[in-house]
Amino acid sequence: MKPAPRLPDPDAFSPLSLADRLLSLAKEADAAGLPNAADRLVGLAFAVLEQGMTPHRVH
């Protein structure tokens, strides 16, 4: 039996690199004629950047 694929640790990527990838995908979606998808990806990129600017709290 194959082991279940493991997702990378969310802290392994910087918010800036994730936002950059989301914006690249938004550009590709827009070029493909998918403006709604592009808008959502841009919104996600902004959300990633906003969340990345808040300090992580350890309880």
N, C-alpha and C. Protein backbone atom coordinates (compact mmCIF):
# COMPACT_ATOMS: atom_id res chain seq x y z
N MET A 1 0.84 -1.18 0.00
CA MET A 1 0.00 0.00 0.00
C MET A 1 0.89 1.25 0.00
N LYS A 2 0.54 2.19 -0.85
CA LYS A 2 1.31 3.44 -0.94
C LYS A 2 1.04 4.30 0.29
N PRO A 3 2.08 4.94 0.81
CA PRO A 3 1.83 5.88 1.92
C PRO A 3 1.09 7.11 1.41
N ALA A 4 0.30 7.68 2.27
CA ALA A 4 -0.46 8.89 1.91
C ALA A 4 0.52 10.02 1.62
N PRO A 5 0.24 10.82 0.60
CA PRO A 5 1.14 11.95 0.32
C PRO A 5 1.09 12.95 1.47
N ARG A 6 2.24 13.49 1.78
CA ARG A 6 2.34 14.47 2.87
C ARG A 6 2.41 15.86 2.28
N LEU A 7 1.62 16.73 2.83
CA LEU A 7 1.67 18.13 2.41
C LEU A 7 2.85 18.80 3.09
N PRO A 8 3.46 19.77 2.42
CA PRO A 8 4.57 20.47 3.05
C PRO A 8 4.09 21.28 4.26
N ASP A 9 4.97 21.48 5.18
CA ASP A 9 4.67 22.29 6.36
C ASP A 9 4.35 23.71 5.89
N PRO A 10 3.21 24.29 6.34
CA PRO A 10 2.85 25.64 5.88
C PRO A 10 3.91 26.69 6.18
N ASP A 11 4.69 26.47 7.23
CA ASP A 11 5.73 27.44 7.57
C ASP A 11 6.98 27.29 6.70
N ALA A 12 7.00 26.28 5.83
CA ALA A 12 8.17 26.04 4.99
C ALA A 12 8.26 27.05 3.84
N PHE A 13 7.17 27.74 3.54
CA PHE A 13 7.14 28.70 2.46
C PHE A 13 6.86 30.09 3.02
N SER A 14 7.52 31.07 2.48
CA SER A 14 7.27 32.43 2.94
C SER A 14 5.98 32.95 2.31
N PRO A 15 5.28 33.85 3.00
CA PRO A 15 4.07 34.44 2.43
C PRO A 15 4.35 35.13 1.09
N LEU A 16 5.53 35.71 0.97
CA LEU A 16 5.86 36.40 -0.28
C LEU A 16 5.96 35.43 -1.45
N SER A 17 6.58 34.27 -1.24
CA SER A 17 6.70 33.30 -2.33
C SER A 17 5.34 32.71 -2.69
N LEU A 18 4.49 32.47 -1.69
CA LEU A 18 3.16 31.96 -1.97
C LEU A 18 2.33 32.99 -2.74
N ALA A 19 2.40 34.24 -2.32
CA ALA A 19 1.67 35.30 -3.00
C ALA A 19 2.16 35.45 -4.44
N ASP A 20 3.45 35.36 -4.65
CA ASP A 20 4.02 35.45 -5.99
C ASP A 20 3.48 34.34 -6.88
N ARG A 21 3.41 33.14 -6.35
CA ARG A 21 2.89 32.01 -7.14
C ARG A 21 1.41 32.21 -7.45
N LEU A 22 0.65 32.67 -6.47
CA LEU A 22 -0.77 32.93 -6.70
C LEU A 22 -0.98 34.00 -7.77
N LEU A 23 -0.15 35.04 -7.74
CA LEU A 23 -0.27 36.08 -8.76
C LEU A 23 0.11 35.57 -10.15
N SER A 24 1.09 34.68 -10.20
CA SER A 24 1.45 34.07 -11.49
C SER A 24 0.29 33.23 -12.03
N LEU A 25 -0.34 32.48 -11.13
CA LEU A 25 -1.50 31.69 -11.55
C LEU A 25 -2.66 32.60 -11.99
N ALA A 26 -2.83 33.72 -11.30
CA ALA A 26 -3.88 34.67 -11.68
C ALA A 26 -3.62 35.22 -13.08
N LYS A 27 -2.38 35.53 -13.38
CA LYS A 27 -2.03 36.03 -14.71
C LYS A 27 -2.33 34.99 -15.78
N GLU A 28 -2.00 33.73 -15.50
CA GLU A 28 -2.29 32.66 -16.45
C GLU A 28 -3.79 32.45 -16.61
N ALA A 29 -4.53 32.53 -15.51
CA ALA A 29 -5.99 32.37 -15.58
C ALA A 29 -6.61 33.49 -16.41
N ASP A 30 -6.12 34.70 -16.22
CA ASP A 30 -6.64 35.83 -16.99
C ASP A 30 -6.35 35.66 -18.48
N ALA A 31 -5.14 35.23 -18.79
CA ALA A 31 -4.77 35.01 -20.19
C ALA A 31 -5.59 33.88 -20.82
N ALA A 32 -6.04 32.94 -19.99
CA ALA A 32 -6.84 31.82 -20.49
C ALA A 32 -8.32 32.17 -20.59
N GLY A 33 -8.66 33.41 -20.26
CA GLY A 33 -10.05 33.83 -20.37
C GLY A 33 -10.89 33.47 -19.16
N LEU A 34 -10.25 33.37 -18.00
CA LEU A 34 -10.95 33.04 -16.76
C LEU A 34 -10.82 34.20 -15.77
N PRO A 35 -11.50 35.31 -16.03
CA PRO A 35 -11.33 36.48 -15.16
C PRO A 35 -11.81 36.28 -13.73
N ASN A 36 -12.86 35.48 -13.52
CA ASN A 36 -13.34 35.25 -12.16
C ASN A 36 -12.30 34.48 -11.34
N ALA A 37 -11.69 33.48 -11.95
CA ALA A 37 -10.64 32.72 -11.27
C ALA A 37 -9.45 33.62 -10.98
N ALA A 38 -9.10 34.48 -11.93
CA ALA A 38 -7.97 35.40 -11.73
C ALA A 38 -8.24 36.34 -10.56
N ASP A 39 -9.46 36.86 -10.48
CA ASP A 39 -9.81 37.76 -9.37
C ASP A 39 -9.71 37.05 -8.03
N ARG A 40 -10.18 35.82 -7.98
CA ARG A 40 -10.12 35.07 -6.72
C ARG A 40 -8.67 34.79 -6.32
N LEU A 41 -7.83 34.47 -7.29
CA LEU A 41 -6.42 34.20 -6.99
C LEU A 41 -5.71 35.47 -6.49
N VAL A 42 -6.04 36.61 -7.07
CA VAL A 42 -5.46 37.87 -6.60
C VAL A 42 -5.91 38.13 -5.16
N GLY A 43 -7.18 37.88 -4.87
CA GLY A 43 -7.68 38.04 -3.51
C GLY A 43 -6.96 37.12 -2.53
N LEU A 44 -6.71 35.90 -2.95
CA LEU A 44 -5.96 34.98 -2.09
C LEU A 44 -4.53 35.46 -1.86
N ALA A 45 -3.92 36.01 -2.89
CA ALA A 45 -2.56 36.52 -2.74
C ALA A 45 -2.52 37.64 -1.70
N PHE A 46 -3.51 38.55 -1.76
CA PHE A 46 -3.56 39.62 -0.76
C PHE A 46 -3.80 39.06 0.63
N ALA A 47 -4.66 38.05 0.74
CA ALA A 47 -4.95 37.45 2.05
C ALA A 47 -3.69 36.79 2.63
N VAL A 48 -2.92 36.13 1.78
CA VAL A 48 -1.69 35.49 2.23
C VAL A 48 -0.72 36.55 2.75
N LEU A 49 -0.60 37.66 2.01
CA LEU A 49 0.32 38.71 2.43
C LEU A 49 -0.14 39.37 3.74
N GLU A 50 -1.44 39.61 3.87
CA GLU A 50 -1.95 40.23 5.10
C GLU A 50 -1.75 39.31 6.29
N GLN A 51 -2.01 38.02 6.12
CA GLN A 51 -1.84 37.08 7.22
C GLN A 51 -0.36 36.92 7.56
N GLY A 52 0.49 36.98 6.54
CA GLY A 52 1.92 36.82 6.77
C GLY A 52 2.53 37.99 7.52
N MET A 53 1.84 39.14 7.52
CA MET A 53 2.38 40.32 8.21
C MET A 53 2.03 40.32 9.69
N THR A 54 1.10 39.47 10.12
CA THR A 54 0.77 39.40 11.53
C THR A 54 1.69 38.40 12.20
N PRO A 55 2.16 38.72 13.39
CA PRO A 55 3.07 37.78 14.07
C PRO A 55 2.33 36.52 14.47
N HIS A 56 3.03 35.38 14.38
CA HIS A 56 2.46 34.10 14.82
C HIS A 56 2.54 34.04 16.33
N ARG A 57 1.47 33.64 16.95
CA ARG A 57 1.44 33.54 18.41
C ARG A 57 1.50 32.08 18.82
N VAL A 58 2.33 31.80 19.76
CA VAL A 58 2.41 30.44 20.31
C VAL A 58 1.71 30.46 21.64
N HIS A 59 0.73 29.58 21.78
CA HIS A 59 -0.04 29.54 23.03
C HIS A 59 0.55 28.54 23.97
